[in-house]
Amino acid sequence: MKQVCPVQISGVGCYVPDRVLSNHDLSQMVDTNNEWILQRTGISERRIVAKGQATSDMAEQAVRRLCASTGLDPAEIQMLVVATVTPDMLFPSTACLLQHKLGIPHTWGFDLSAACCGFVYSLSVGAAFVASGIHSKVVVVGSDTMSSIIDYQDRATCVIFGDGAGAVLLEPARNPELCLIDFHHEVDGSGGAHLKMPAGGSLQPANCETVKNRLHYVKQEGPAVFKFATRKMEEASRTILNKNKLTPQDVRLLLPHQANARIIRGTAERLGLRDDQFILNLNKYGNTTAATIPLAMQDALSEGKLKRGDLVLLASVGAGFTVGTALLRWAV
């Protein structure tokens, strides 16, 4: 990534709702049980928003916690990039709603839709604005209310997803050696049929039939998604490492998208990483889509697994299919 100036992540702030939906709770709603869910996903529980709580509300809490942890005045934020596939509404954007809730009328921003790669894609966009010198304080948010588009009669999807939000601050790097190093992104549009929400857009606008046929929920062909994600998480990780003349052994910490424990462990194993070289926290949050990586980042910091100078690899695969990786040295 050619930069006018190096860019660092200066801090992280996260939010998850209070309500816990456990595997036992799900077993009362759909034909499943704790053992079945744990074996296939590694998830024990997930967080679910309260009634009336939306994606912008979680995003606001994440940004306010980011500001509290970094000493950032919200008025200093020059740009917001919000990664989400569950906006409060089709328009205005979640970024507009978030800007208003934060009370920062001179800030601009927009939403970016890339499913589970949304945070990493948004990180590269925000970093470009800082690297170019256009802005010096950009906040990137990943926030998704997946419970709003999940069919709790479909055990193939309802056991996977949860709600949450995470935000990071991007600034010019104070130490040019401790910065975002590179990004590698891909799209394979042929995978669009395997993971989607069919209705609600211009192709199938909402009507009685789309509601009756439950087309406003996530539909997933699990085997196809699993196969692609298992292959691409490793491939994309090796691509960005090779491009920068690094090996998996140089990586101190892998922060992967938290979709499935088998995918994460398999990726780490094929890269030759030890258990202490990757974060696995989906057991308590589920798949929060654009929020998984900042939530993993926050947990890594809280547990002392992420330290200044560490070489960190972010890796994600999502609907689209989208593929996103980022390489950085932790600066704070």
C-alpha atoms as a PDB file:
ATOM      1  CA  MET A   1       0.000   0.000   0.000  1.00  0.00           C
ATOM      2  CA  LYS A   2       1.767   3.156  -1.221  1.00  0.00           C
ATOM      3  CA  GLN A   3       1.224   5.940   1.280  1.00  0.00           C
ATOM      4  CA  VAL A   4       1.968   9.641   1.414  1.00  0.00           C
ATOM      5  CA  CYS A   5       2.112   9.088   5.155  1.00  0.00           C
ATOM      6  CA  PRO A   6       1.890   5.858   7.177  1.00  0.00           C
ATOM      7  CA  VAL A   7      -1.400   5.203   9.002  1.00  0.00           C
ATOM      8  CA  GLN A   8      -1.954   3.645  12.406  1.00  0.00           C
ATOM      9  CA  ILE A   9      -4.879   2.257  14.354  1.00  0.00           C
ATOM     10  CA  SER A  10      -4.849   4.402  17.502  1.00  0.00           C
ATOM     11  CA  GLY A  11      -7.533   2.605  19.473  1.00  0.00           C
ATOM     12  CA  VAL A  12     -10.608   0.421  19.476  1.00  0.00           C
ATOM     13  CA  GLY A  13     -14.045   0.581  21.105  1.00  0.00           C
ATOM     14  CA  CYS A  14     -16.745  -2.100  21.047  1.00  0.00           C
ATOM     15  CA  TYR A  15     -20.309  -2.679  22.135  1.00  0.00           C
ATOM     16  CA  VAL A  16     -22.534  -5.747  22.409  1.00  0.00           C
ATOM     17  CA  PRO A  17     -26.152  -5.762  23.645  1.00  0.00           C
ATOM     18  CA  ASP A  18     -27.000  -7.007  27.128  1.00  0.00           C
ATOM     19  CA  ARG A  19     -29.357  -9.789  26.072  1.00  0.00           C
ATOM     20  CA  VAL A  20     -27.711 -13.212  25.789  1.00  0.00           C
ATOM     21  CA  LEU A  21     -29.213 -15.879  23.525  1.00  0.00           C
ATOM     22  CA  SER A  22     -27.705 -19.213  24.510  1.00  0.00           C
ATOM     23  CA  ASN A  23     -27.699 -22.520  22.676  1.00  0.00           C
ATOM     24  CA  HIS A  24     -30.182 -23.768  25.251  1.00  0.00           C
ATOM     25  CA  ASP A  25     -32.479 -20.856  24.429  1.00  0.00           C
ATOM     26  CA  LEU A  26     -32.295 -21.721  20.732  1.00  0.00           C
ATOM     27  CA  SER A  27     -33.131 -25.346  21.465  1.00  0.00           C
ATOM     28  CA  GLN A  28     -36.488 -24.103  22.773  1.00  0.00           C
ATOM     29  CA  MET A  29     -37.139 -22.258  19.507  1.00  0.00           C
ATOM     30  CA  VAL A  30     -35.933 -24.627  16.786  1.00  0.00           C
ATOM     31  CA  ASP A  31     -34.912 -28.280  16.371  1.00  0.00           C
ATOM     32  CA  THR A  32     -31.332 -28.086  17.665  1.00  0.00           C
ATOM     33  CA  ASN A  33     -29.278 -28.594  20.804  1.00  0.00           C
ATOM     34  CA  ASN A  34     -26.118 -27.344  22.452  1.00  0.00           C
ATOM     35  CA  GLU A  35     -23.938 -30.235  21.266  1.00  0.00           C
ATOM     36  CA  TRP A  36     -25.071 -29.902  17.629  1.00  0.00           C
ATOM     37  CA  ILE A  37     -24.319 -26.174  17.568  1.00  0.00           C
ATOM     38  CA  LEU A  38     -20.982 -26.433  19.356  1.00  0.00           C
ATOM     39  CA  GLN A  39     -19.758 -29.261  17.133  1.00  0.00           C
ATOM     40  CA  ARG A  40     -20.587 -27.458  13.896  1.00  0.00           C
ATOM     41  CA  THR A  41     -19.839 -23.839  14.789  1.00  0.00           C
ATOM     42  CA  GLY A  42     -18.045 -23.520  18.117  1.00  0.00           C
ATOM     43  CA  ILE A  43     -20.660 -21.004  19.315  1.00  0.00           C
ATOM     44  CA  SER A  44     -22.134 -21.164  22.837  1.00  0.00           C
ATOM     45  CA  GLU A  45     -24.075 -17.906  22.933  1.00  0.00           C
ATOM     46  CA  ARG A  46     -24.639 -14.675  21.075  1.00  0.00           C
ATOM     47  CA  ARG A  47     -25.881 -11.165  21.945  1.00  0.00           C
ATOM     48  CA  ILE A  48     -29.219  -9.811  20.674  1.00  0.00           C
ATOM     49  CA  VAL A  49     -30.424  -6.202  20.578  1.00  0.00           C
ATOM     50  CA  ALA A  50     -33.281  -4.953  22.712  1.00  0.00           C
ATOM     51  CA  LYS A  51     -36.553  -4.035  21.043  1.00  0.00           C
ATOM     52  CA  GLY A  52     -36.160  -0.735  19.234  1.00  0.00           C
ATOM     53  CA  GLN A  53     -32.362  -0.903  19.244  1.00  0.00           C
ATOM     54  CA  ALA A  54     -30.785  -0.652  15.783  1.00  0.00           C
ATOM     55  CA  THR A  55     -27.425  -0.777  14.026  1.00  0.00           C
ATOM     56  CA  SER A  56     -26.785   2.962  14.448  1.00  0.00           C
ATOM     57  CA  ASP A  57     -27.434   2.697  18.189  1.00  0.00           C
ATOM     58  CA  MET A  58     -24.790   0.010  18.609  1.00  0.00           C
ATOM     59  CA  ALA A  59     -22.413   1.953  16.361  1.00  0.00           C
ATOM     60  CA  GLU A  60     -22.876   5.048  18.521  1.00  0.00           C
ATOM     61  CA  GLN A  61     -21.990   3.139  21.679  1.00  0.00           C
ATOM     62  CA  ALA A  62     -18.898   1.638  20.031  1.00  0.00           C
ATOM     63  CA  VAL A  63     -17.688   5.063  18.880  1.00  0.00           C
ATOM     64  CA  ARG A  64     -18.326   6.648  22.277  1.00  0.00           C
ATOM     65  CA  ARG A  65     -16.304   3.870  23.942  1.00  0.00           C
ATOM     66  CA  LEU A  66     -13.550   4.411  21.384  1.00  0.00           C
ATOM     67  CA  CYS A  67     -13.530   8.115  22.226  1.00  0.00           C
ATOM     68  CA  ALA A  68     -13.419   7.385  25.955  1.00  0.00           C
ATOM     69  CA  SER A  69     -10.479   4.986  25.589  1.00  0.00           C
ATOM     70  CA  THR A  70      -8.416   7.245  23.309  1.00  0.00           C
ATOM     71  CA  GLY A  71      -9.328  10.688  24.640  1.00  0.00           C
ATOM     72  CA  LEU A  72     -10.788  11.606  21.272  1.00  0.00           C
ATOM     73  CA  ASP A  73     -13.391  14.372  21.209  1.00  0.00           C
ATOM     74  CA  PRO A  74     -16.154  13.243  18.800  1.00  0.00           C
ATOM     75  CA  ALA A  75     -16.009  16.718  17.245  1.00  0.00           C
ATOM     76  CA  GLU A  76     -12.477  15.875  16.030  1.00  0.00           C
ATOM     77  CA  ILE A  77     -13.761  13.042  13.814  1.00  0.00           C
ATOM     78  CA  GLN A  78     -13.519  14.152  10.199  1.00  0.00           C
ATOM     79  CA  MET A  79     -14.984  11.088   8.494  1.00  0.00           C
ATOM     80  CA  LEU A  80     -17.053   8.010   9.362  1.00  0.00           C
ATOM     81  CA  VAL A  81     -16.982   4.788   7.344  1.00  0.00           C
ATOM     82  CA  VAL A  82     -19.676   2.376   8.546  1.00  0.00           C
ATOM     83  CA  ALA A  83     -19.487  -1.243   7.452  1.00  0.00           C
ATOM     84  CA  THR A  84     -22.895  -2.927   7.677  1.00  0.00           C
ATOM     85  CA  VAL A  85     -25.362  -5.146   5.837  1.00  0.00           C
ATOM     86  CA  THR A  86     -28.114  -4.305   8.308  1.00  0.00           C
ATOM     87  CA  PRO A  87     -28.587  -0.530   8.026  1.00  0.00           C
ATOM     88  CA  ASP A  88     -31.380   1.006  10.069  1.00  0.00           C
ATOM     89  CA  MET A  89     -33.111   1.630   6.738  1.00  0.00           C
ATOM     90  CA  LEU A  90     -32.175   1.661   3.056  1.00  0.00           C
ATOM     91  CA  PHE A  91     -31.626   5.405   3.269  1.00  0.00           C
ATOM     92  CA  PRO A  92     -30.432   7.619   4.762  1.00  0.00           C
ATOM     93  CA  SER A  93     -27.202   5.783   5.443  1.00  0.00           C
ATOM     94  CA  THR A  94     -26.275   4.516   8.880  1.00  0.00           C
ATOM     95  CA  ALA A  95     -23.312   6.916   8.757  1.00  0.00           C
ATOM     96  CA  CYS A  96     -25.726   9.847   8.497  1.00  0.00           C
ATOM     97  CA  LEU A  97     -27.755   8.597  11.454  1.00  0.00           C
ATOM     98  CA  LEU A  98     -24.597   7.939  13.456  1.00  0.00           C
ATOM     99  CA  GLN A  99     -23.194  11.403  12.718  1.00  0.00           C
ATOM    100  CA  HIS A 100     -26.384  12.989  14.033  1.00  0.00           C
ATOM    101  CA  LYS A 101     -26.461  10.831  17.178  1.00  0.00           C
ATOM    102  CA  LEU A 102     -22.851  11.731  17.926  1.00  0.00           C
ATOM    103  CA  GLY A 103     -23.642  15.428  17.471  1.00  0.00           C
ATOM    104  CA  ILE A 104     -20.842  16.085  14.974  1.00  0.00           C
ATOM    105  CA  PRO A 105     -22.464  18.099  12.147  1.00  0.00           C
ATOM    106  CA  HIS A 106     -19.182  18.901  10.384  1.00  0.00           C
ATOM    107  CA  THR A 107     -18.284  15.222   9.907  1.00  0.00           C
ATOM    108  CA  TRP A 108     -19.105  13.395   6.682  1.00  0.00           C
ATOM    109  CA  GLY A 109     -19.271   9.681   5.907  1.00  0.00           C
ATOM    110  CA  PHE A 110     -20.972   6.789   4.212  1.00  0.00           C
ATOM    111  CA  ASP A 111     -21.854   3.091   4.522  1.00  0.00           C
ATOM    112  CA  LEU A 112     -19.943   0.247   2.914  1.00  0.00           C
ATOM    113  CA  SER A 113     -21.609  -3.096   2.227  1.00  0.00           C
ATOM    114  CA  ALA A 114     -19.291  -6.082   1.969  1.00  0.00           C
ATOM    115  CA  ALA A 115     -20.878  -8.477   4.479  1.00  0.00           C
ATOM    116  CA  CYS A 116     -18.284 -10.172   6.684  1.00  0.00           C
ATOM    117  CA  CYS A 117     -15.442  -8.371   4.877  1.00  0.00           C
ATOM    118  CA  GLY A 118     -17.040  -5.003   5.524  1.00  0.00           C
ATOM    119  CA  PHE A 119     -14.710  -3.978   8.330  1.00  0.00           C
ATOM    120  CA  VAL A 120     -11.490  -4.842   6.490  1.00  0.00           C
ATOM    121  CA  TYR A 121     -12.696  -3.186   3.282  1.00  0.00           C
ATOM    122  CA  SER A 122     -13.713  -0.080   5.245  1.00  0.00           C
ATOM    123  CA  LEU A 123     -10.367  -0.058   7.009  1.00  0.00           C
ATOM    124  CA  SER A 124      -8.584   0.175   3.668  1.00  0.00           C
ATOM    125  CA  VAL A 125     -10.887   2.989   2.515  1.00  0.00           C
ATOM    126  CA  GLY A 126     -10.445   4.984   5.704  1.00  0.00           C
ATOM    127  CA  ALA A 127      -6.687   4.425   5.646  1.00  0.00           C
ATOM    128  CA  ALA A 128      -6.494   5.779   2.092  1.00  0.00           C
ATOM    129  CA  PHE A 129      -8.035   9.091   3.195  1.00  0.00           C
ATOM    130  CA  VAL A 130      -5.488   9.410   6.008  1.00  0.00           C
ATOM    131  CA  ALA A 131      -2.523   8.211   3.927  1.00  0.00           C
ATOM    132  CA  SER A 132      -3.341  10.747   1.209  1.00  0.00           C
ATOM    133  CA  GLY A 133      -3.336  13.591   3.704  1.00  0.00           C
ATOM    134  CA  ILE A 134      -7.002  14.468   3.132  1.00  0.00           C
ATOM    135  CA  HIS A 135      -7.981  13.638   6.724  1.00  0.00           C
ATOM    136  CA  SER A 136      -6.093  13.007   9.961  1.00  0.00           C
ATOM    137  CA  LYS A 137      -8.836  11.419  12.089  1.00  0.00           C
ATOM    138  CA  VAL A 138     -11.071   8.805  10.484  1.00  0.00           C
ATOM    139  CA  VAL A 139     -13.305   6.419  12.419  1.00  0.00           C
ATOM    140  CA  VAL A 140     -14.144   3.049  10.881  1.00  0.00           C
ATOM    141  CA  VAL A 141     -17.128   1.206  12.338  1.00  0.00           C
ATOM    142  CA  GLY A 142     -18.365  -2.336  11.853  1.00  0.00           C
ATOM    143  CA  SER A 143     -21.927  -2.712  13.147  1.00  0.00           C
ATOM    144  CA  ASP A 144     -24.547  -5.332  12.360  1.00  0.00           C
ATOM    145  CA  THR A 145     -27.915  -6.264  13.816  1.00  0.00           C
ATOM    146  CA  MET A 146     -28.030  -9.715  12.279  1.00  0.00           C
ATOM    147  CA  SER A 147     -30.978 -10.769  14.437  1.00  0.00           C
ATOM    148  CA  SER A 148     -33.128  -8.429  12.320  1.00  0.00           C
ATOM    149  CA  ILE A 149     -32.608 -10.554   9.181  1.00  0.00           C
ATOM    150  CA  ILE A 150     -32.379 -14.044  10.694  1.00  0.00           C
ATOM    151  CA  ASP A 151     -35.152 -16.630  10.417  1.00  0.00           C
ATOM    152  CA  TYR A 152     -35.426 -18.255  13.830  1.00  0.00           C
ATOM    153  CA  GLN A 153     -37.199 -21.190  12.207  1.00  0.00           C
ATOM    154  CA  ASP A 154     -34.089 -22.008  10.155  1.00  0.00           C
ATOM    155  CA  ARG A 155     -31.570 -23.812  12.329  1.00  0.00           C
ATOM    156  CA  ALA A 156     -28.903 -23.641   9.602  1.00  0.00           C
ATOM    157  CA  THR A 157     -28.601 -19.866  10.067  1.00  0.00           C
ATOM    158  CA  CYS A 158     -30.184 -18.851  13.376  1.00  0.00           C
ATOM    159  CA  VAL A 159     -27.505 -20.621  15.434  1.00  0.00           C
ATOM    160  CA  ILE A 160     -24.692 -18.691  13.753  1.00  0.00           C
ATOM    161  CA  PHE A 161     -25.372 -14.970  14.008  1.00  0.00           C
ATOM    162  CA  GLY A 162     -25.383 -12.347  16.737  1.00  0.00           C
ATOM    163  CA  ASP A 163     -25.421  -8.557  17.096  1.00  0.00           C
ATOM    164  CA  GLY A 164     -22.553  -6.198  17.903  1.00  0.00           C
ATOM    165  CA  ALA A 165     -20.427  -3.232  16.901  1.00  0.00           C
ATOM    166  CA  GLY A 166     -16.790  -2.178  16.934  1.00  0.00           C
ATOM    167  CA  ALA A 167     -14.932   0.983  15.951  1.00  0.00           C
ATOM    168  CA  VAL A 168     -11.313   2.003  15.402  1.00  0.00           C
ATOM    169  CA  LEU A 169      -9.580   5.359  15.041  1.00  0.00           C
ATOM    170  CA  LEU A 170      -7.200   5.866  12.111  1.00  0.00           C
ATOM    171  CA  GLU A 171      -4.536   8.586  12.322  1.00  0.00           C
ATOM    172  CA  PRO A 172      -1.141   9.380  10.791  1.00  0.00           C
ATOM    173  CA  ALA A 173       1.367   6.984  12.345  1.00  0.00           C
ATOM    174  CA  ARG A 174       3.518   8.492  15.086  1.00  0.00           C
ATOM    175  CA  ASN A 175       6.128   5.790  14.384  1.00  0.00           C
ATOM    176  CA  PRO A 176       6.381   4.951  10.655  1.00  0.00           C
ATOM    177  CA  GLU A 177       7.371   1.381  11.512  1.00  0.00           C
ATOM    178  CA  LEU A 178       4.145   0.786  13.469  1.00  0.00           C
ATOM    179  CA  CYS A 179       1.403   1.184  10.915  1.00  0.00           C
ATOM    180  CA  LEU A 180      -0.972  -0.428   8.451  1.00  0.00           C
ATOM    181  CA  ILE A 181       1.303  -2.184   5.982  1.00  0.00           C
ATOM    182  CA  ASP A 182      -0.889  -3.535   3.211  1.00  0.00           C
ATOM    183  CA  PHE A 183      -4.323  -4.767   2.097  1.00  0.00           C
ATOM    184  CA  HIS A 184      -5.367  -7.547  -0.248  1.00  0.00           C
ATOM    185  CA  HIS A 185      -9.016  -7.796  -1.313  1.00  0.00           C
ATOM    186  CA  GLU A 186     -10.905  -9.986  -3.773  1.00  0.00           C
ATOM    187  CA  VAL A 187     -14.466 -10.532  -4.992  1.00  0.00           C
ATOM    188  CA  ASP A 188     -15.932 -13.674  -6.549  1.00  0.00           C
ATOM    189  CA  GLY A 189     -19.418 -12.676  -7.632  1.00  0.00           C
ATOM    190  CA  SER A 190     -20.266 -16.213  -8.702  1.00  0.00           C
ATOM    191  CA  GLY A 191     -20.730 -16.986  -5.004  1.00  0.00           C
ATOM    192  CA  GLY A 192     -23.594 -14.542  -4.611  1.00  0.00           C
ATOM    193  CA  ALA A 193     -26.202 -17.265  -4.902  1.00  0.00           C
ATOM    194  CA  HIS A 194     -24.840 -19.179  -1.915  1.00  0.00           C
ATOM    195  CA  LEU A 195     -25.283 -16.542   0.787  1.00  0.00           C
ATOM    196  CA  LYS A 196     -27.829 -13.761   0.402  1.00  0.00           C
ATOM    197  CA  MET A 197     -30.998 -12.037   1.537  1.00  0.00           C
ATOM    198  CA  PRO A 198     -33.184 -12.456  -1.581  1.00  0.00           C
ATOM    199  CA  ALA A 199     -35.868  -9.804  -1.085  1.00  0.00           C
ATOM    200  CA  GLY A 200     -36.043  -6.181  -0.043  1.00  0.00           C
ATOM    201  CA  GLY A 201     -34.004  -4.706  -2.886  1.00  0.00           C
ATOM    202  CA  SER A 202     -34.941  -3.530  -6.360  1.00  0.00           C
ATOM    203  CA  LEU A 203     -35.053  -7.064  -7.793  1.00  0.00           C
ATOM    204  CA  GLN A 204     -37.696  -8.295  -5.343  1.00  0.00           C
ATOM    205  CA  PRO A 205     -39.241  -5.321  -3.538  1.00  0.00           C
ATOM    206  CA  ALA A 206     -41.109  -6.098  -0.356  1.00  0.00           C
ATOM    207  CA  ASN A 207     -44.650  -7.343  -0.911  1.00  0.00           C
ATOM    208  CA  CYS A 208     -47.049  -9.846   0.592  1.00  0.00           C
ATOM    209  CA  GLU A 209     -45.500 -12.740  -1.318  1.00  0.00           C
ATOM    210  CA  THR A 210     -41.916 -12.008  -0.317  1.00  0.00           C
ATOM    211  CA  VAL A 211     -42.972 -11.766   3.321  1.00  0.00           C
ATOM    212  CA  LYS A 212     -45.079 -14.935   3.096  1.00  0.00           C
ATOM    213  CA  ASN A 213     -42.162 -16.836   1.535  1.00  0.00           C
ATOM    214  CA  ARG A 214     -39.738 -15.572   4.192  1.00  0.00           C
ATOM    215  CA  LEU A 215     -37.416 -14.002   1.619  1.00  0.00           C
ATOM    216  CA  HIS A 216     -36.333 -11.135   3.877  1.00  0.00           C
ATOM    217  CA  TYR A 217     -34.060 -13.426   5.865  1.00  0.00           C
ATOM    218  CA  VAL A 218     -30.528 -14.686   5.306  1.00  0.00           C
ATOM    219  CA  LYS A 219     -30.405 -17.744   3.043  1.00  0.00           C
ATOM    220  CA  GLN A 220     -27.255 -19.829   3.062  1.00  0.00           C
ATOM    221  CA  GLU A 221     -25.964 -22.918   1.290  1.00  0.00           C
ATOM    222  CA  GLY A 222     -23.713 -23.984   4.121  1.00  0.00           C
ATOM    223  CA  PRO A 223     -21.428 -26.499   2.366  1.00  0.00           C
ATOM    224  CA  ALA A 224     -20.598 -24.117  -0.489  1.00  0.00           C
ATOM    225  CA  VAL A 225     -19.849 -21.238   1.883  1.00  0.00           C
ATOM    226  CA  PHE A 226     -17.776 -23.444   4.190  1.00  0.00           C
ATOM    227  CA  LYS A 227     -15.719 -24.825   1.295  1.00  0.00           C
ATOM    228  CA  PHE A 228     -14.969 -21.382  -0.145  1.00  0.00           C
ATOM    229  CA  ALA A 229     -14.155 -19.802   3.220  1.00  0.00           C
ATOM    230  CA  THR A 230     -11.894 -22.675   4.255  1.00  0.00           C
ATOM    231  CA  ARG A 231      -9.858 -22.328   1.050  1.00  0.00           C
ATOM    232  CA  LYS A 232      -9.784 -18.560   0.732  1.00  0.00           C
ATOM    233  CA  MET A 233      -8.900 -17.635   4.330  1.00  0.00           C
ATOM    234  CA  GLU A 234      -5.599 -19.440   3.898  1.00  0.00           C
ATOM    235  CA  GLU A 235      -4.998 -18.397   0.274  1.00  0.00           C
ATOM    236  CA  ALA A 236      -5.588 -14.710   0.894  1.00  0.00           C
ATOM    237  CA  SER A 237      -3.449 -14.789   4.035  1.00  0.00           C
ATOM    238  CA  ARG A 238      -0.532 -16.320   2.148  1.00  0.00           C
ATOM    239  CA  THR A 239      -0.993 -13.870  -0.730  1.00  0.00           C
ATOM    240  CA  ILE A 240      -0.587 -10.766   1.419  1.00  0.00           C
ATOM    241  CA  LEU A 241       2.291 -12.294   3.380  1.00  0.00           C
ATOM    242  CA  ASN A 242       4.147 -13.362   0.235  1.00  0.00           C
ATOM    243  CA  LYS A 243       3.594  -9.945  -1.310  1.00  0.00           C
ATOM    244  CA  ASN A 244       5.367  -8.393   1.675  1.00  0.00           C
ATOM    245  CA  LYS A 245       8.110 -11.046   1.826  1.00  0.00           C
ATOM    246  CA  LEU A 246       6.834 -12.426   5.112  1.00  0.00           C
ATOM    247  CA  THR A 247       5.897 -15.905   6.305  1.00  0.00           C
ATOM    248  CA  PRO A 248       3.136 -17.102   8.653  1.00  0.00           C
ATOM    249  CA  GLN A 249       5.821 -17.589  11.299  1.00  0.00           C
ATOM    250  CA  ASP A 250       6.445 -13.824  11.260  1.00  0.00           C
ATOM    251  CA  VAL A 251       2.842 -13.187  12.348  1.00  0.00           C
ATOM    252  CA  ARG A 252       2.348 -12.590  16.051  1.00  0.00           C
ATOM    253  CA  LEU A 253      -1.438 -12.614  15.904  1.00  0.00           C
ATOM    254  CA  LEU A 254      -4.123 -13.600  13.412  1.00  0.00           C
ATOM    255  CA  LEU A 255      -7.408 -11.739  13.932  1.00  0.00           C
ATOM    256  CA  PRO A 256      -9.805 -13.671  11.682  1.00  0.00           C
ATOM    257  CA  HIS A 257     -13.437 -13.046  10.914  1.00  0.00           C
ATOM    258  CA  GLN A 258     -15.375 -15.091  13.471  1.00  0.00           C
ATOM    259  CA  ALA A 259     -17.725 -17.216  11.357  1.00  0.00           C
ATOM    260  CA  ASN A 260     -16.959 -20.789  12.340  1.00  0.00           C
ATOM    261  CA  ALA A 261     -14.437 -22.326  14.729  1.00  0.00           C
ATOM    262  CA  ARG A 262     -13.584 -25.109  12.283  1.00  0.00           C
ATOM    263  CA  ILE A 263     -12.724 -22.595   9.557  1.00  0.00           C
ATOM    264  CA  ILE A 264     -10.542 -20.548  11.911  1.00  0.00           C
ATOM    265  CA  ARG A 265      -8.717 -23.512  13.435  1.00  0.00           C
ATOM    266  CA  GLY A 266      -8.243 -25.099  10.015  1.00  0.00           C
ATOM    267  CA  THR A 267      -6.801 -21.885   8.605  1.00  0.00           C
ATOM    268  CA  ALA A 268      -4.430 -21.476  11.544  1.00  0.00           C
ATOM    269  CA  GLU A 269      -3.322 -25.100  11.286  1.00  0.00           C
ATOM    270  CA  ARG A 270      -2.574 -24.874   7.556  1.00  0.00           C
ATOM    271  CA  LEU A 271      -0.626 -21.662   8.139  1.00  0.00           C
ATOM    272  CA  GLY A 272       1.341 -23.396  10.870  1.00  0.00           C
ATOM    273  CA  LEU A 273       0.173 -21.082  13.640  1.00  0.00           C
ATOM    274  CA  ARG A 274       0.112 -22.047  17.305  1.00  0.00           C
ATOM    275  CA  ASP A 275      -3.046 -21.674  19.402  1.00  0.00           C
ATOM    276  CA  ASP A 276      -1.643 -18.487  20.973  1.00  0.00           C
ATOM    277  CA  GLN A 277      -1.203 -16.914  17.519  1.00  0.00           C
ATOM    278  CA  PHE A 278      -4.890 -16.475  16.712  1.00  0.00           C
ATOM    279  CA  ILE A 279      -8.021 -15.186  18.412  1.00  0.00           C
ATOM    280  CA  LEU A 280     -11.161 -17.307  18.671  1.00  0.00           C
ATOM    281  CA  ASN A 281     -14.004 -15.539  20.505  1.00  0.00           C
ATOM    282  CA  LEU A 282     -17.121 -16.428  18.510  1.00  0.00           C
ATOM    283  CA  ASN A 283     -18.132 -18.800  21.320  1.00  0.00           C
ATOM    284  CA  LYS A 284     -19.558 -15.797  23.211  1.00  0.00           C
ATOM    285  CA  TYR A 285     -20.637 -13.501  20.350  1.00  0.00           C
ATOM    286  CA  GLY A 286     -21.464 -15.681  17.344  1.00  0.00           C
ATOM    287  CA  ASN A 287     -20.930 -14.216  13.890  1.00  0.00           C
ATOM    288  CA  THR A 288     -21.561 -10.473  14.171  1.00  0.00           C
ATOM    289  CA  THR A 289     -20.585  -9.949  10.500  1.00  0.00           C
ATOM    290  CA  ALA A 290     -18.809  -6.558  10.183  1.00  0.00           C
ATOM    291  CA  ALA A 291     -18.191  -6.371  13.945  1.00  0.00           C
ATOM    292  CA  THR A 292     -16.272  -9.632  14.467  1.00  0.00           C
ATOM    293  CA  ILE A 293     -12.746  -8.362  13.809  1.00  0.00           C
ATOM    294  CA  PRO A 294     -12.904  -5.263  16.043  1.00  0.00           C
ATOM    295  CA  LEU A 295     -14.503  -7.418  18.767  1.00  0.00           C
ATOM    296  CA  ALA A 296     -11.622  -9.887  18.393  1.00  0.00           C
ATOM    297  CA  MET A 297      -9.172  -6.967  18.488  1.00  0.00           C
ATOM    298  CA  GLN A 298     -10.722  -5.677  21.717  1.00  0.00           C
ATOM    299  CA  ASP A 299     -10.596  -9.101  23.360  1.00  0.00           C
ATOM    300  CA  ALA A 300      -6.974  -9.573  22.280  1.00  0.00           C
ATOM    301  CA  LEU A 301      -6.067  -6.265  23.920  1.00  0.00           C
ATOM    302  CA  SER A 302      -8.022  -7.057  27.087  1.00  0.00           C
ATOM    303  CA  GLU A 303      -6.325 -10.454  27.386  1.00  0.00           C
ATOM    304  CA  GLY A 304      -2.835  -9.057  26.786  1.00  0.00           C
ATOM    305  CA  LYS A 305      -2.435 -10.954  23.518  1.00  0.00           C
ATOM    306  CA  LEU A 306      -1.985  -7.837  21.374  1.00  0.00           C
ATOM    307  CA  LYS A 307       0.963  -5.573  22.115  1.00  0.00           C
ATOM    308  CA  ARG A 308       2.843  -2.668  20.588  1.00  0.00           C
ATOM    309  CA  GLY A 309       5.009  -3.786  17.680  1.00  0.00           C
ATOM    310  CA  ASP A 310       3.151  -7.051  17.041  1.00  0.00           C
ATOM    311  CA  LEU A 311       2.717  -8.057  13.393  1.00  0.00           C
ATOM    312  CA  VAL A 312      -1.041  -8.599  12.998  1.00  0.00           C
ATOM    313  CA  LEU A 313      -2.929 -10.263  10.154  1.00  0.00           C
ATOM    314  CA  LEU A 314      -6.639  -9.592   9.623  1.00  0.00           C
ATOM    315  CA  ALA A 315      -8.463 -12.089   7.399  1.00  0.00           C
ATOM    316  CA  SER A 316     -12.102 -12.386   6.361  1.00  0.00           C
ATOM    317  CA  VAL A 317     -14.412 -14.053   3.860  1.00  0.00           C
ATOM    318  CA  GLY A 318     -18.032 -13.036   3.359  1.00  0.00           C
ATOM    319  CA  ALA A 319     -21.124 -13.054   1.175  1.00  0.00           C
ATOM    320  CA  GLY A 320     -20.524 -11.947  -2.367  1.00  0.00           C
ATOM    321  CA  PHE A 321     -18.199 -13.788  -2.146  1.00  0.00           C
ATOM    322  CA  THR A 322     -15.892 -11.158  -0.668  1.00  0.00           C
ATOM    323  CA  VAL A 323     -12.354 -11.758   0.578  1.00  0.00           C
ATOM    324  CA  GLY A 324     -10.349  -9.256   2.602  1.00  0.00           C
ATOM    325  CA  THR A 325      -7.007  -9.211   4.403  1.00  0.00           C
ATOM    326  CA  ALA A 326      -4.906  -6.540   6.074  1.00  0.00           C
ATOM    327  CA  LEU A 327      -1.420  -6.546   7.526  1.00  0.00           C
ATOM    328  CA  LEU A 328      -0.250  -4.131  10.228  1.00  0.00           C
ATOM    329  CA  ARG A 329       2.099  -3.560  13.106  1.00  0.00           C
ATOM    330  CA  TRP A 330       0.206  -2.621  16.247  1.00  0.00           C
ATOM    331  CA  ALA A 331       1.016   0.922  17.285  1.00  0.00           C
ATOM    332  CA  VAL A 332      -0.450   1.423  20.783  1.00  0.00           C
END
